[in-house]
Amino acid sequence: MGQLSETQIKASKPGPKEFFLNDGDNLFLRVRSTGKAWIYRYEKSGKTVKLGLGPYPAVTLAQARAKAHEANSLRAEGQDLKEVRRQKEEQQRVSKLNTFELLARAWVASARKDRQWSNGYADKVIRHLEIHTFPWVGDRPIETIAPTEIVRCLHRIKDRGNLETAQRVREAVQHVYQYAVDVGALEPARNFVNKRTAGLPSPRSRHYAAITDPTQLGQLLRDIRDYNGAFITRCALRLAPMIFQRPGQLRLAEWEDIDLDRELWRCPPEKMKLREWQKRDVRTPAHLVPLPRQATALLQDLYPLTGPTGPVFRSMSRRSEKSRYISDNTINAALRTMGYDTKEQITGHGFRATARTMIREYLGWDSDVIERHLAHVSDEELGDSYDRTTFLVQRKTMVQQWADFLDELEAGRMPVQDGDNVLQFVRAPSHPARRA
């Protein structure tokens, strides 16, 4: 059969079924109702293999013949056409990731999907790179970036006193370089970023500021009671030390999850500090928080203002969907307004350490019960895979004792223990020191 002509190609009309017009040298024109396309067809191991060469007329007859000729040459050399095509497609994909910024954004997108990063965490990682690396090396091909350029980026952060941020940026850059190696955009030998790059010292470990002295805690509770800010904020401040859950969990509380009759708050997984896949897993249980009488009374006072549905601690100043709740800085801002240093004295998250320490020391509760109330996982081997104890009954008693303990401190009575280790309260001095 002779070669096809342009007249034959244009004259061919689709029928009920697709058909092929042979141009020779394994090149065919496939005619369908949806259009015409070039096909390279050959036999391999007794099977027919088809490779698309592009649609007609976008790919002309001459171009299709050139592609078929190239395919024949490759086969004559013993090469696998599908493998050759796969390698070319991979090279084209990698060639598009031709700068540090493009690779970094591709890595974050991959991690967001494969590691199931939350949107908030992914945005935080890319924001660090946008601020601290992209302005200097973002538009550069990664293989042209010298080690000293990465080091200078990290030292700029360190020299401003942000050592922890420098460590996080270095870790992110390290992942970007490894991602570049994994996708073929960088030779492994050129991956120089590691945990020693820039010689950054380990950041000083800091714990959340917390009060563990009964006298100081009693004064703080009185300051909270007398706080003249917004009523919703004062309620959040009073609840924070009483039920000692994470500040983010507290501010995102919804009335639908609170049962005032049963004195129980059911916190769904998506509002807990969990890995993203755990939040989405239907098998992940809600965290149950028993409420002491004092907490229930506070919520009953708040109910007419923000109930019966939606956020318990509703933002009253802004109405957008993203701002339905009080901000994540509300409690700390209120503490600073009252004169407390949230870095050195007390922070919203520090109420958890306050309760963890003083419940153990003064009320004598077992650490396992306290840890469950804090929503910490078991330290046993395999952890919560087997240990699913909630200690709900015990925690109900514990939080009530703790709330009563806080009432005593707020009233100015300090805890003492007699010779039989029985906790009693005595009146504190008339004028306790307010704060350091």
Protein backbone atom coordinates (compact mmCIF):
# COMPACT_ATOMS: atom_id res chain seq x y z
CA MET A 1 0.00 0.00 0.00
CA GLY A 2 1.32 3.44 -0.98
CA GLN A 3 1.73 6.39 1.29
CA LEU A 4 -1.18 8.60 2.21
CA SER A 5 -1.77 11.96 0.59
CA GLU A 6 -3.23 15.08 2.13
CA THR A 7 -6.26 14.65 -0.14
CA GLN A 8 -6.91 11.12 1.18
CA ILE A 9 -6.53 12.25 4.78
CA LYS A 10 -8.93 15.17 4.42
CA ALA A 11 -11.42 13.05 2.51
CA SER A 12 -11.59 10.30 5.12
CA LYS A 13 -14.86 10.43 7.06
CA PRO A 14 -15.59 8.67 10.39
CA GLY A 15 -17.88 5.66 10.29
CA PRO A 16 -19.78 3.70 12.95
CA LYS A 17 -16.47 2.28 14.15
CA GLU A 18 -12.97 3.67 14.20
CA PHE A 19 -10.64 2.60 11.37
CA PHE A 20 -6.99 3.03 10.46
CA LEU A 21 -5.34 4.32 7.27
CA ASN A 22 -1.83 2.90 6.72
CA ASP A 23 0.92 5.31 5.66
CA GLY A 24 3.69 2.69 5.85
CA ASP A 25 6.65 2.31 8.23
CA ASN A 26 4.27 1.50 11.12
CA LEU A 27 2.51 4.88 10.84
CA PHE A 28 -1.30 4.93 10.80
CA LEU A 29 -4.01 7.56 10.85
CA ARG A 30 -6.80 6.62 13.24
CA VAL A 31 -10.19 8.01 12.23
CA ARG A 32 -12.90 8.35 14.89
CA SER A 33 -16.06 10.33 15.28
CA THR A 34 -14.13 12.47 17.80
CA GLY A 35 -11.34 13.29 15.34
CA LYS A 36 -8.22 12.02 13.60
CA ALA A 37 -4.92 11.14 15.24
CA TRP A 38 -1.56 9.63 14.30
CA ILE A 39 -0.67 6.22 15.74
CA TYR A 40 2.66 4.38 15.65
CA ARG A 41 1.78 0.66 15.74
CA TYR A 42 4.16 -2.29 15.96
CA GLU A 43 4.42 -5.86 17.22
CA LYS A 44 6.32 -6.79 20.38
CA SER A 45 6.39 -10.29 21.88
CA GLY A 46 3.36 -11.26 19.84
CA LYS A 47 1.30 -8.27 20.97
CA THR A 48 0.32 -5.11 19.15
CA VAL A 49 1.70 -1.94 20.78
CA LYS A 50 0.26 1.47 19.97
CA LEU A 51 1.85 4.85 20.66
CA GLY A 52 0.02 8.09 20.02
CA LEU A 53 1.94 10.68 17.99
CA GLY A 54 -0.59 13.49 18.25
CA PRO A 55 -3.84 14.67 16.61
CA TYR A 56 -4.23 15.67 12.99
CA PRO A 57 -3.97 18.42 11.72
CA ALA A 58 -2.10 19.80 14.79
CA VAL A 59 0.59 17.24 13.89
CA THR A 60 1.07 17.40 10.12
CA LEU A 61 1.69 14.44 7.84
CA ALA A 62 5.37 15.38 7.51
CA GLN A 63 5.80 15.69 11.28
CA ALA A 64 4.10 12.34 11.87
CA ARG A 65 6.41 10.64 9.35
CA ALA A 66 9.45 12.19 11.08
CA LYS A 67 8.29 10.85 14.45
CA ALA A 68 7.67 7.40 12.97
CA HIS A 69 11.13 7.41 11.41
CA GLU A 70 12.68 8.30 14.81
CA ALA A 71 10.69 5.50 16.48
CA ASN A 72 11.90 2.99 13.90
CA SER A 73 15.51 4.04 14.50
CA LEU A 74 15.16 3.65 18.27
CA ARG A 75 13.66 0.18 17.85
CA ALA A 76 16.49 -0.78 15.55
CA GLU A 77 18.89 0.17 18.38
CA GLY A 78 16.96 -2.12 20.73
CA GLN A 79 15.39 0.62 22.81
CA ASP A 80 11.98 0.36 24.48
CA LEU A 81 9.79 3.11 22.97
CA LYS A 82 7.49 3.36 25.98
CA GLU A 83 10.45 3.69 28.34
CA VAL A 84 11.99 6.36 26.09
CA ARG A 85 8.72 8.27 26.13
CA ARG A 86 8.40 7.95 29.92
CA GLN A 87 11.89 9.35 30.40
CA LYS A 88 11.18 12.29 28.11
CA GLU A 89 7.96 13.11 29.95
CA GLU A 90 9.83 12.95 33.27
CA GLN A 91 12.53 15.25 31.91
CA GLN A 92 9.91 17.71 30.73
CA ARG A 93 8.19 17.63 34.13
CA VAL A 94 11.45 18.20 35.99
CA SER A 95 12.50 20.95 33.60
CA LYS A 96 9.47 22.96 34.73
CA LEU A 97 10.79 22.88 38.33
CA ASN A 98 13.74 24.98 37.33
CA THR A 99 14.06 27.29 40.35
CA PHE A 100 14.37 26.91 44.11
CA GLU A 101 10.98 28.56 44.66
CA LEU A 102 9.16 26.27 42.22
CA LEU A 103 10.76 23.21 43.84
CA ALA A 104 9.87 24.48 47.32
CA ARG A 105 6.25 25.05 46.38
CA ALA A 106 6.08 21.63 44.72
CA TRP A 107 7.52 20.03 47.87
CA VAL A 108 4.96 21.73 50.12
CA ALA A 109 2.13 20.70 47.79
CA SER A 110 3.41 17.13 47.85
CA ALA A 111 3.72 17.11 51.64
CA ARG A 112 0.25 18.61 52.00
CA LYS A 113 -1.12 15.64 50.08
CA ASP A 114 1.16 12.74 51.05
CA ARG A 115 1.75 13.67 54.70
CA GLN A 116 -1.76 15.14 55.04
CA TRP A 117 -0.48 18.43 56.40
CA SER A 118 -3.13 20.82 57.61
CA ASN A 119 -3.59 23.95 55.51
CA GLY A 120 -2.44 26.08 58.43
CA TYR A 121 0.83 24.21 58.85
CA ALA A 122 1.56 24.12 55.11
CA ASP A 123 0.91 27.86 54.85
CA LYS A 124 3.26 28.49 57.79
CA VAL A 125 6.08 26.49 56.17
CA ILE A 126 5.78 28.23 52.81
CA ARG A 127 5.52 31.63 54.52
CA HIS A 128 8.84 31.05 56.29
CA LEU A 129 10.45 30.25 52.94
CA GLU A 130 8.80 33.27 51.27
CA ILE A 131 10.22 35.61 53.91
CA HIS A 132 13.65 34.12 54.55
CA THR A 133 14.82 32.42 51.33
CA PHE A 134 12.86 33.34 48.19
CA PRO A 135 14.03 36.98 48.05
CA TRP A 136 17.65 35.80 47.79
CA VAL A 137 17.62 32.42 46.03
CA GLY A 138 14.02 31.83 44.98
CA ASP A 139 14.47 32.58 41.28
CA ARG A 140 17.74 30.66 40.97
CA PRO A 141 18.16 27.15 39.53
CA ILE A 142 18.82 24.99 42.59
CA GLU A 143 22.03 23.50 41.18
CA THR A 144 23.54 27.01 40.87
CA ILE A 145 22.97 27.99 44.51
CA ALA A 146 26.21 28.01 46.48
CA PRO A 147 26.28 26.63 50.06
CA THR A 148 27.31 30.04 51.37
CA GLU A 149 24.11 31.58 50.00
CA ILE A 150 21.94 29.22 52.04
CA VAL A 151 24.15 29.83 55.09
CA ARG A 152 23.72 33.60 54.74
CA CYS A 153 19.94 33.21 54.61
CA LEU A 154 20.01 31.24 57.85
CA HIS A 155 22.43 33.60 59.58
CA ARG A 156 20.22 36.59 58.77
CA ILE A 157 17.48 34.93 60.81
CA LYS A 158 19.83 33.90 63.63
CA ASP A 159 21.40 37.35 63.87
CA ARG A 160 17.97 38.84 64.52
CA GLY A 161 17.69 36.57 67.54
CA ASN A 162 15.24 34.10 65.94
CA LEU A 163 17.24 30.93 66.39
CA GLU A 164 14.23 28.62 66.47
CA THR A 165 12.96 30.09 63.19
CA ALA A 166 16.40 29.62 61.65
CA GLN A 167 16.29 25.96 62.66
CA ARG A 168 12.86 25.51 61.09
CA VAL A 169 13.87 27.23 57.86
CA ARG A 170 16.99 25.07 57.62
CA GLU A 171 14.85 21.96 58.06
CA ALA A 172 12.48 23.14 55.33
CA VAL A 173 15.37 23.91 52.95
CA GLN A 174 16.84 20.49 53.69
CA HIS A 175 13.55 18.90 52.62
CA VAL A 176 13.45 21.03 49.45
CA TYR A 177 16.92 19.83 48.46
CA GLN A 178 16.01 16.22 49.13
CA TYR A 179 12.82 16.65 47.12
CA ALA A 180 14.90 18.06 44.25
CA VAL A 181 17.08 14.92 44.36
CA ASP A 182 14.02 12.67 44.51
CA VAL A 183 12.43 14.21 41.39
CA GLY A 184 15.69 14.32 39.44
CA ALA A 185 16.17 18.09 39.50
CA LEU A 186 19.42 17.82 41.46
CA GLU A 187 22.29 15.34 41.57
CA PRO A 188 22.59 13.66 45.00
CA ALA A 189 26.19 14.83 45.33
CA ARG A 190 25.04 18.45 45.22
CA ASN A 191 22.67 18.08 48.17
CA PHE A 192 24.77 19.88 50.79
CA VAL A 193 22.00 20.95 53.18
CA ASN A 194 21.84 18.92 56.40
CA LYS A 195 21.20 19.41 60.11
CA ARG A 196 24.71 20.88 60.55
CA THR A 197 24.45 23.48 57.77
CA ALA A 198 25.21 27.01 59.03
CA GLY A 199 26.47 25.69 62.38
CA LEU A 200 23.34 26.82 64.19
CA PRO A 201 23.36 26.01 67.93
CA SER A 202 20.38 24.17 69.32
CA PRO A 203 17.71 26.62 70.48
CA ARG A 204 17.18 26.92 74.22
CA SER A 205 14.28 24.74 75.26
CA ARG A 206 11.47 26.87 76.64
CA HIS A 207 8.36 25.75 78.40
CA TYR A 208 5.11 27.66 78.46
CA ALA A 209 5.11 30.19 81.31
CA ALA A 210 3.06 28.82 84.19
CA ILE A 211 2.31 29.62 87.82
CA THR A 212 2.73 26.79 90.32
CA ASP A 213 2.80 28.80 93.55
CA PRO A 214 -0.58 28.80 95.37
CA THR A 215 -0.25 32.39 96.56
CA GLN A 216 0.51 33.71 93.07
CA LEU A 217 -2.23 31.58 91.52
CA GLY A 218 -4.76 32.86 94.04
CA GLN A 219 -3.88 36.43 93.12
CA LEU A 220 -4.19 35.65 89.41
CA LEU A 221 -7.65 34.16 89.97
CA ARG A 222 -8.74 37.32 91.79
CA ASP A 223 -7.34 39.45 88.98
CA ILE A 224 -9.33 37.39 86.47
CA ARG A 225 -12.47 37.75 88.59
CA ASP A 226 -12.01 41.54 88.63
CA TYR A 227 -11.08 41.80 84.94
CA ASN A 228 -13.20 44.55 83.40
CA GLY A 229 -12.84 43.51 79.77
CA ALA A 230 -15.44 41.80 77.58
CA PHE A 231 -17.71 39.34 79.38
CA ILE A 232 -16.95 36.57 76.84
CA THR A 233 -13.22 37.02 77.40
CA ARG A 234 -13.65 36.94 81.17
CA CYS A 235 -15.59 33.68 80.89
CA ALA A 236 -12.83 32.15 78.75
CA LEU A 237 -10.23 33.35 81.25
CA ARG A 238 -12.07 31.79 84.17
CA LEU A 239 -12.62 28.49 82.38
CA ALA A 240 -9.02 28.16 81.14
CA PRO A 241 -7.42 27.24 84.52
CA MET A 242 -10.51 25.32 85.63
CA ILE A 243 -10.69 22.74 82.84
CA PHE A 244 -7.09 23.22 81.53
CA GLN A 245 -7.63 22.26 77.90
CA ARG A 246 -5.57 23.67 75.03
CA PRO A 247 -6.36 27.34 74.26
CA GLY A 248 -7.16 26.56 70.61
CA GLN A 249 -9.51 23.80 71.66
CA LEU A 250 -11.23 26.11 74.16
CA ARG A 251 -11.75 29.03 71.81
CA LEU A 252 -13.22 26.76 69.10
CA ALA A 253 -15.78 25.19 71.45
CA GLU A 254 -19.30 24.92 70.01
CA TRP A 255 -22.56 24.82 71.94
CA GLU A 256 -23.62 21.73 69.99
CA ASP A 257 -20.78 19.83 71.70
CA ILE A 258 -21.64 20.89 75.26
CA ASP A 259 -24.24 19.08 77.36
CA LEU A 260 -24.99 21.33 80.34
CA ASP A 261 -27.36 18.79 81.88
CA ARG A 262 -24.72 16.04 81.89
CA GLU A 263 -21.93 18.56 82.59
CA LEU A 264 -19.89 17.23 79.69
CA TRP A 265 -18.03 18.77 76.77
CA ARG A 266 -17.45 16.52 73.78
CA CYS A 267 -14.55 17.92 71.76
CA PRO A 268 -14.46 16.46 68.21
CA PRO A 269 -11.14 15.22 66.76
CA GLU A 270 -10.94 17.98 64.13
CA LYS A 271 -10.52 20.55 66.91
CA MET A 272 -7.86 18.60 68.79
CA LYS A 273 -4.09 18.67 68.46
CA LEU A 274 -3.78 15.58 66.25
CA ARG A 275 -2.18 14.62 62.98
CA GLU A 276 -4.31 15.53 60.02
CA TRP A 277 -5.09 11.90 59.14
CA GLN A 278 -6.26 11.29 62.73
CA LYS A 279 -8.62 14.23 62.52
CA ARG A 280 -10.15 12.76 59.36
CA ASP A 281 -10.28 9.17 60.61
CA VAL A 282 -13.84 8.29 61.62
CA ARG A 283 -12.40 5.89 64.21
CA THR A 284 -10.70 8.67 66.17
CA PRO A 285 -12.81 9.26 69.29
CA ALA A 286 -13.86 12.65 70.57
CA HIS A 287 -12.11 13.94 73.69
CA LEU A 288 -14.59 14.02 76.57
CA VAL A 289 -14.12 16.82 79.09
CA PRO A 290 -16.18 16.53 82.31
CA LEU A 291 -17.21 19.94 83.63
CA PRO A 292 -17.15 20.90 87.31
CA ARG A 293 -20.18 22.72 88.72
CA GLN A 294 -18.37 26.05 88.55
CA ALA A 295 -17.68 25.63 84.82
CA THR A 296 -21.28 24.65 84.14
CA ALA A 297 -22.49 27.76 85.99
CA LEU A 298 -20.18 29.97 83.90
CA LEU A 299 -21.46 28.44 80.68
CA GLN A 300 -25.06 28.89 81.81
CA ASP A 301 -24.35 32.60 82.32
CA LEU A 302 -22.79 32.79 78.85
CA TYR A 303 -25.54 30.81 77.11
CA PRO A 304 -28.03 33.71 76.69
CA LEU A 305 -25.34 35.79 74.97
CA THR A 306 -23.78 33.33 72.50
CA GLY A 307 -26.04 30.23 72.56
CA PRO A 308 -27.87 28.11 71.69
CA THR A 309 -25.72 27.12 68.67
CA GLY A 310 -22.36 27.98 67.17
CA PRO A 311 -19.25 29.28 68.95
CA VAL A 312 -19.34 29.42 72.73
CA PHE A 313 -16.74 32.19 72.69
CA ARG A 314 -18.08 34.16 69.78
CA SER A 315 -16.25 37.14 68.34
CA MET A 316 -18.59 40.06 68.89
CA SER A 317 -16.57 42.64 66.95
CA ARG A 318 -16.21 40.93 63.55
CA ARG A 319 -18.76 38.99 61.57
CA SER A 320 -16.81 37.23 58.85
CA GLU A 321 -16.92 33.44 58.71
CA LYS A 322 -13.20 33.21 59.51
CA SER A 323 -13.65 35.39 62.60
CA ARG A 324 -16.62 33.75 64.26
CA TYR A 325 -14.50 32.85 67.28
CA ILE A 326 -12.40 34.95 69.61
CA SER A 327 -8.85 35.14 68.28
CA ASP A 328 -6.08 32.79 69.35
CA ASN A 329 -4.44 35.75 71.11
CA THR A 330 -7.46 36.87 73.15
CA ILE A 331 -6.56 35.12 76.42
CA ASN A 332 -2.90 36.14 76.31
CA ALA A 333 -3.83 39.71 75.42
CA ALA A 334 -6.15 39.83 78.44
CA LEU A 335 -3.40 38.47 80.70
CA ARG A 336 -1.04 41.17 79.44
CA THR A 337 -3.72 43.80 80.05
CA MET A 338 -3.84 42.64 83.67
CA GLY A 339 -0.09 43.14 83.90
CA TYR A 340 1.21 39.61 83.46
CA ASP A 341 4.24 38.75 81.33
CA THR A 342 3.02 35.94 79.03
CA LYS A 343 6.60 34.88 78.27
CA GLU A 344 7.87 34.67 81.82
CA GLN A 345 4.87 34.48 84.22
CA ILE A 346 1.74 32.89 82.75
CA THR A 347 0.33 32.17 79.32
CA GLY A 348 -2.95 30.66 78.21
CA HIS A 349 -1.29 27.34 77.45
CA GLY A 350 0.53 27.48 80.78
CA PHE A 351 -2.69 26.81 82.70
CA ARG A 352 -2.25 23.18 81.66
CA ALA A 353 1.15 22.99 83.38
CA THR A 354 -0.30 24.79 86.40
CA ALA A 355 -3.06 22.21 86.77
CA ARG A 356 -0.81 19.25 85.93
CA THR A 357 1.67 20.25 88.65
CA MET A 358 -0.68 21.32 91.44
CA ILE A 359 -3.27 18.55 91.03
CA ARG A 360 -0.47 16.03 91.36
CA GLU A 361 1.21 17.83 94.26
CA TYR A 362 -1.74 18.98 96.34
CA LEU A 363 -4.61 16.67 95.37
CA GLY A 364 -2.55 13.53 94.85
CA TRP A 365 -4.17 12.32 91.64
CA ASP A 366 -2.45 9.67 89.55
CA SER A 367 -0.59 11.07 86.55
CA ASP A 368 -2.41 8.74 84.12
CA VAL A 369 -5.75 10.32 85.02
CA ILE A 370 -4.35 13.83 84.67
CA GLU A 371 -2.70 13.03 81.34
CA ARG A 372 -5.96 11.68 79.93
CA HIS A 373 -7.71 14.90 80.89
CA LEU A 374 -4.93 16.81 79.14
CA ALA A 375 -5.60 14.62 76.04
CA HIS A 376 -2.04 13.32 76.07
CA VAL A 377 -1.45 9.87 74.59
CA SER A 378 -0.28 6.88 76.58
CA ASP A 379 3.47 6.40 77.01
CA GLU A 380 3.11 2.63 76.98
CA GLU A 381 4.43 0.60 74.07
CA LEU A 382 2.02 0.92 71.11
CA GLY A 383 0.29 3.69 73.08
CA ASP A 384 -3.36 4.24 72.31
CA SER A 385 -3.50 1.33 69.89
CA TYR A 386 -4.31 -0.80 72.93
CA ASP A 387 -4.74 1.63 75.83
CA ARG A 388 -8.09 3.35 75.28
CA THR A 389 -8.95 4.11 78.89
CA THR A 390 -10.73 7.45 79.34
CA PHE A 391 -10.93 7.57 83.18
CA LEU A 392 -14.09 9.62 82.72
CA VAL A 393 -15.57 8.86 86.15
CA GLN A 394 -12.28 9.56 87.91
CA ARG A 395 -11.72 12.74 85.92
CA LYS A 396 -15.17 14.01 86.84
CA THR A 397 -14.21 13.76 90.52
CA MET A 398 -10.77 15.21 89.87
CA VAL A 399 -11.89 18.33 88.03
CA GLN A 400 -14.50 19.04 90.71
CA GLN A 401 -11.84 18.82 93.41
CA TRP A 402 -9.60 21.06 91.32
CA ALA A 403 -12.34 23.68 90.82
CA ASP A 404 -13.04 23.67 94.56
CA PHE A 405 -9.29 24.03 95.18
CA LEU A 406 -9.20 27.09 92.89
CA ASP A 407 -12.16 28.60 94.80
CA GLU A 408 -10.19 28.30 98.03
CA LEU A 409 -7.16 30.00 96.47
CA GLU A 410 -9.30 32.77 95.01
CA ALA A 411 -10.80 33.37 98.45
CA GLY A 412 -7.30 33.82 99.85
CA ARG A 413 -7.02 30.49 101.69
CA MET A 414 -3.77 28.61 101.17
CA PRO A 415 -3.34 24.81 101.20
CA VAL A 416 -1.49 23.05 104.01
CA GLN A 417 -1.21 19.38 104.80
CA ASP A 418 -1.26 18.03 108.35
CA GLY A 419 0.76 15.10 109.64
CA ASP A 420 -1.68 12.62 108.10
CA ASN A 421 -1.24 14.26 104.70
CA VAL A 422 -4.78 15.64 104.80
CA LEU A 423 -5.22 18.81 102.77
CA GLN A 424 -6.58 21.81 104.68
CA PHE A 425 -6.83 25.51 103.91
CA VAL A 426 -5.79 28.41 106.07
CA ARG A 427 -6.34 32.12 105.65
CA ALA A 428 -3.47 33.76 103.79
CA PRO A 429 -1.92 37.05 105.00
CA SER A 430 -4.25 40.02 104.59
CA HIS A 431 -2.12 41.67 101.92
CA PRO A 432 -0.50 39.05 99.70
CA ALA A 433 2.08 40.21 97.20
CA ARG A 434 0.20 40.90 93.96
CA ARG A 435 2.89 40.02 91.46
CA ALA A 436 6.62 39.94 91.07
